[in-house]
Amino acid sequence: MSTLLPAVEHETAASPRYSIIWLHGLGADGHDFAPIVPELVAADWPALRFVFPHAPVRPVTINGGMAMRAWYDIAGFDLLAQQDEAGIRASIAATEALIARENARGVPDERIILAGFSQGGAIALAAGLRHAKRLAGIVALSTYLPIADTLAAERSAANADVPIFQAHGSFDPVVVPPRGSASRDLLQALGYRVDWHVYPMAHAVCAEEIADLRTWLSERFEA
């Protein structure tokens, strides 16, 4: 079993019924998206546990080999060339361990949402679509689908119709918009339900996006 990653956690009320595991982007850490909780959470939602894990520290080739928190190595600007498949799969395993811990704490798979931004969103997609049991949903922000060529063979039937919220900035210079829309097209071609949104922003998150995500998440929760 993968080593359990340290994480920042926030519970909106006692005895959480749902969990949202939220993976940060390259060079950030679990604190990066923790401030989004009060902006995102609606008053009528059931008790939630947000889990914001810290990615391992590793050298990142595109940044001159500098060590930083990263879910996998990136060789160059073309995100699909020389993908770090071993690193991606290790982070999928680390995500599986986080899901298993939520199970142990009383939250079943069907009440767990995987979310992520940029690199974290790539792992949320890669892990969630391969996860053996049905999840409540996947949130993929400013990201793309990694190791896509193996998904058709490795994807889980349990999550064949898992709801996916995918959003992208139209001016994103990091994960360029065609990378995001190509991933959307591939997912839709495999039959996935993708709720696709584009916002006039760079590699970031905006207020309109948070509002749309709140609406989408509301549909995932049972009272």
Protein backbone atom coordinates (compact mmCIF):
# COMPACT_ATOMS: atom_id res chain seq x y z
CA MET A 1 0.00 0.00 0.00
CA SER A 2 1.20 3.50 -0.81
CA THR A 3 2.52 5.65 2.03
CA LEU A 4 -0.18 8.02 3.27
CA LEU A 5 0.61 11.60 2.26
CA PRO A 6 0.42 14.35 4.88
CA ALA A 7 -2.54 16.66 4.32
CA VAL A 8 -4.34 19.79 5.45
CA GLU A 9 -7.88 18.89 6.51
CA HIS A 10 -11.02 20.91 7.09
CA GLU A 11 -14.36 19.55 8.29
CA THR A 12 -17.40 21.76 7.71
CA ALA A 13 -19.27 20.05 10.57
CA ALA A 14 -18.91 17.05 12.87
CA SER A 15 -19.19 13.51 11.49
CA PRO A 16 -18.58 14.24 7.77
CA ARG A 17 -20.77 12.26 5.39
CA TYR A 18 -18.84 13.23 2.25
CA SER A 19 -15.16 13.80 1.49
CA ILE A 20 -13.50 15.94 -1.15
CA ILE A 21 -9.85 15.02 -1.80
CA TRP A 22 -8.31 18.05 -3.54
CA LEU A 23 -4.88 17.82 -5.21
CA HIS A 24 -2.81 21.00 -5.64
CA GLY A 25 -0.77 22.12 -8.66
CA LEU A 26 2.96 21.94 -9.36
CA GLY A 27 5.11 23.69 -6.77
CA ALA A 28 2.20 24.46 -4.44
CA ASP A 29 1.09 22.44 -1.41
CA GLY A 30 -2.03 21.39 0.45
CA HIS A 31 -2.50 24.89 1.86
CA ASP A 32 -3.00 26.33 -1.64
CA PHE A 33 -6.71 25.59 -2.02
CA ALA A 34 -7.70 25.40 1.66
CA PRO A 35 -8.91 29.06 1.60
CA ILE A 36 -11.44 28.13 -1.09
CA VAL A 37 -13.59 26.20 1.42
CA PRO A 38 -15.63 29.13 2.84
CA GLU A 39 -16.16 30.53 -0.68
CA LEU A 40 -17.26 27.20 -2.09
CA VAL A 41 -19.37 25.56 0.60
CA ALA A 42 -23.13 26.20 0.65
CA ALA A 43 -24.97 26.43 3.97
CA ASP A 44 -27.37 23.59 3.15
CA TRP A 45 -24.67 21.03 2.27
CA PRO A 46 -24.17 17.94 4.43
CA ALA A 47 -21.07 17.74 6.62
CA LEU A 48 -17.93 17.50 4.45
CA ARG A 49 -14.30 16.68 5.05
CA PHE A 50 -11.88 18.44 2.71
CA VAL A 51 -8.52 16.69 2.39
CA PHE A 52 -5.73 18.74 0.77
CA PRO A 53 -2.69 16.44 0.55
CA HIS A 54 0.88 17.62 0.02
CA ALA A 55 2.55 16.06 -3.03
CA PRO A 56 6.01 14.56 -2.50
CA VAL A 57 9.03 16.80 -3.09
CA ARG A 58 10.92 15.77 -6.24
CA PRO A 59 13.21 17.36 -8.85
CA VAL A 60 11.25 18.78 -11.79
CA THR A 61 13.07 18.71 -15.12
CA ILE A 62 11.24 21.64 -16.76
CA ASN A 63 12.25 23.83 -13.80
CA GLY A 64 15.94 23.02 -14.13
CA GLY A 65 15.79 20.04 -11.81
CA MET A 66 14.70 22.19 -8.86
CA ALA A 67 13.11 20.16 -6.06
CA MET A 68 9.49 21.08 -5.35
CA ARG A 69 6.20 19.46 -4.54
CA ALA A 70 5.03 17.67 -7.66
CA TRP A 71 2.73 14.76 -8.44
CA TYR A 72 5.09 13.71 -11.26
CA ASP A 73 8.02 15.05 -13.25
CA ILE A 74 7.48 17.24 -16.31
CA ALA A 75 10.14 16.99 -19.00
CA GLY A 76 9.08 19.97 -21.12
CA PHE A 77 6.35 22.35 -22.21
CA ASP A 78 4.74 19.66 -24.37
CA LEU A 79 2.95 17.87 -21.55
CA LEU A 80 2.30 14.78 -23.66
CA ALA A 81 5.93 14.16 -24.65
CA GLN A 82 8.06 11.99 -22.35
CA GLN A 83 5.36 11.61 -19.73
CA ASP A 84 6.59 10.47 -16.32
CA GLU A 85 4.38 7.39 -16.27
CA ALA A 86 6.07 5.93 -13.18
CA GLY A 87 5.52 9.17 -11.25
CA ILE A 88 1.92 9.42 -12.43
CA ARG A 89 1.18 5.87 -11.36
CA ALA A 90 2.82 6.42 -7.98
CA SER A 91 0.55 9.41 -7.42
CA ILE A 92 -2.47 7.36 -8.50
CA ALA A 93 -1.48 4.84 -5.80
CA ALA A 94 -1.08 7.65 -3.25
CA THR A 95 -4.58 8.89 -4.14
CA GLU A 96 -5.97 5.37 -3.72
CA ALA A 97 -4.45 5.32 -0.21
CA LEU A 98 -6.22 8.59 0.62
CA ILE A 99 -9.53 7.17 -0.62
CA ALA A 100 -8.98 4.05 1.51
CA ARG A 101 -8.40 6.22 4.58
CA GLU A 102 -11.73 8.00 3.97
CA ASN A 103 -13.38 4.57 3.74
CA ALA A 104 -11.80 3.66 7.08
CA ARG A 105 -13.16 6.90 8.56
CA GLY A 106 -16.69 5.98 7.49
CA VAL A 107 -17.04 7.69 4.10
CA PRO A 108 -17.82 5.21 1.29
CA ASP A 109 -16.47 5.62 -2.23
CA GLU A 110 -19.80 6.85 -3.61
CA ARG A 111 -19.57 9.87 -1.28
CA ILE A 112 -16.00 10.81 -2.24
CA ILE A 113 -15.15 13.46 -4.82
CA LEU A 114 -11.66 13.70 -6.34
CA ALA A 115 -10.68 17.24 -7.29
CA GLY A 116 -7.50 18.84 -8.53
CA PHE A 117 -5.90 21.84 -10.21
CA SER A 118 -3.34 21.52 -13.03
CA GLN A 119 -1.05 18.56 -12.16
CA GLY A 120 -3.42 17.69 -9.33
CA GLY A 121 -6.35 17.66 -11.74
CA ALA A 122 -4.44 15.35 -14.06
CA ILE A 123 -4.01 12.88 -11.19
CA ALA A 124 -7.67 13.29 -10.14
CA LEU A 125 -8.70 12.22 -13.65
CA ALA A 126 -6.13 9.44 -13.98
CA ALA A 127 -6.93 7.99 -10.56
CA GLY A 128 -10.67 8.53 -10.54
CA LEU A 129 -11.37 6.98 -13.92
CA ARG A 130 -9.36 3.88 -12.94
CA HIS A 131 -10.80 3.59 -9.42
CA ALA A 132 -12.54 0.25 -8.93
CA LYS A 133 -15.58 1.56 -7.04
CA ARG A 134 -18.03 4.26 -8.00
CA LEU A 135 -17.09 7.79 -6.89
CA ALA A 136 -19.42 10.77 -6.43
CA GLY A 137 -17.57 12.87 -9.01
CA ILE A 138 -14.30 14.21 -10.42
CA VAL A 139 -13.29 17.89 -10.60
CA ALA A 140 -10.55 18.71 -13.12
CA LEU A 141 -9.47 22.37 -13.19
CA SER A 142 -7.02 23.85 -15.72
CA THR A 143 -5.67 20.43 -16.57
CA TYR A 144 -5.49 17.54 -19.05
CA LEU A 145 -5.72 13.75 -19.12
CA PRO A 146 -2.30 12.10 -18.63
CA ILE A 147 -1.30 8.60 -19.84
CA ALA A 148 -4.45 8.79 -21.95
CA ASP A 149 -3.39 5.97 -24.27
CA THR A 150 -3.89 3.39 -21.52
CA LEU A 151 -7.22 4.67 -20.22
CA ALA A 152 -9.49 2.68 -22.52
CA ALA A 153 -7.89 -0.57 -21.34
CA GLU A 154 -7.52 0.39 -17.67
CA ARG A 155 -10.64 2.40 -16.93
CA SER A 156 -13.12 1.19 -14.35
CA ALA A 157 -16.61 0.13 -15.39
CA ALA A 158 -17.85 1.38 -12.00
CA ASN A 159 -16.92 4.96 -12.98
CA ALA A 160 -17.95 4.78 -16.65
CA ASP A 161 -20.61 7.42 -16.02
CA VAL A 162 -19.02 9.31 -13.13
CA PRO A 163 -19.89 13.03 -13.36
CA ILE A 164 -16.88 15.17 -14.36
CA PHE A 165 -16.60 18.95 -13.90
CA GLN A 166 -13.84 20.20 -16.20
CA ALA A 167 -12.89 23.87 -16.44
CA HIS A 168 -10.16 25.81 -18.23
CA GLY A 169 -8.93 29.36 -18.70
CA SER A 170 -9.11 30.61 -22.28
CA PHE A 171 -5.75 32.42 -21.81
CA ASP A 172 -3.95 29.59 -19.99
CA PRO A 173 -0.23 29.71 -20.95
CA VAL A 174 0.72 26.67 -18.83
CA VAL A 175 -1.80 24.01 -19.85
CA VAL A 176 -2.79 25.52 -23.18
CA PRO A 177 -6.55 25.50 -23.93
CA PRO A 178 -6.31 22.96 -26.81
CA ARG A 179 -4.78 20.48 -24.34
CA GLY A 180 -7.82 20.80 -22.11
CA SER A 181 -10.39 20.60 -24.89
CA ALA A 182 -8.63 17.61 -26.47
CA SER A 183 -8.86 15.78 -23.14
CA ARG A 184 -12.55 16.69 -22.93
CA ASP A 185 -13.11 15.32 -26.44
CA LEU A 186 -11.31 12.07 -25.59
CA LEU A 187 -13.36 11.62 -22.43
CA GLN A 188 -16.60 12.30 -24.25
CA ALA A 189 -15.62 9.86 -27.00
CA LEU A 190 -15.27 7.20 -24.29
CA GLY A 191 -18.78 8.03 -23.09
CA TYR A 192 -18.00 10.15 -20.03
CA ARG A 193 -20.36 12.91 -18.86
CA VAL A 194 -18.19 16.03 -18.92
CA ASP A 195 -19.59 19.32 -17.66
CA TRP A 196 -17.22 21.64 -19.55
CA HIS A 197 -16.61 25.30 -18.66
CA VAL A 198 -14.27 27.96 -20.09
CA TYR A 199 -13.47 31.24 -18.32
CA PRO A 200 -11.57 34.36 -19.48
CA MET A 201 -8.54 33.74 -17.25
CA ALA A 202 -4.99 32.41 -17.33
CA HIS A 203 -3.75 29.42 -15.25
CA ALA A 204 -5.92 30.28 -12.27
CA VAL A 205 -9.30 29.97 -10.57
CA CYS A 206 -11.98 32.66 -10.76
CA ALA A 207 -15.13 33.58 -8.82
CA GLU A 208 -17.48 32.54 -11.63
CA GLU A 209 -15.81 29.13 -11.74
CA ILE A 210 -16.25 28.66 -7.98
CA ALA A 211 -19.93 29.56 -8.31
CA ASP A 212 -20.41 27.06 -11.15
CA LEU A 213 -18.55 24.41 -9.18
CA ARG A 214 -20.76 25.06 -6.14
CA THR A 215 -23.85 24.44 -8.29
CA TRP A 216 -22.36 21.24 -9.72
CA LEU A 217 -21.29 19.95 -6.31
CA SER A 218 -24.76 20.62 -4.87
CA GLU A 219 -26.11 18.05 -7.32
CA ARG A 220 -23.65 15.43 -6.02
CA PHE A 221 -24.83 15.56 -2.40
CA GLU A 222 -27.84 13.89 -0.91
CA ALA A 223 -29.45 15.69 2.00
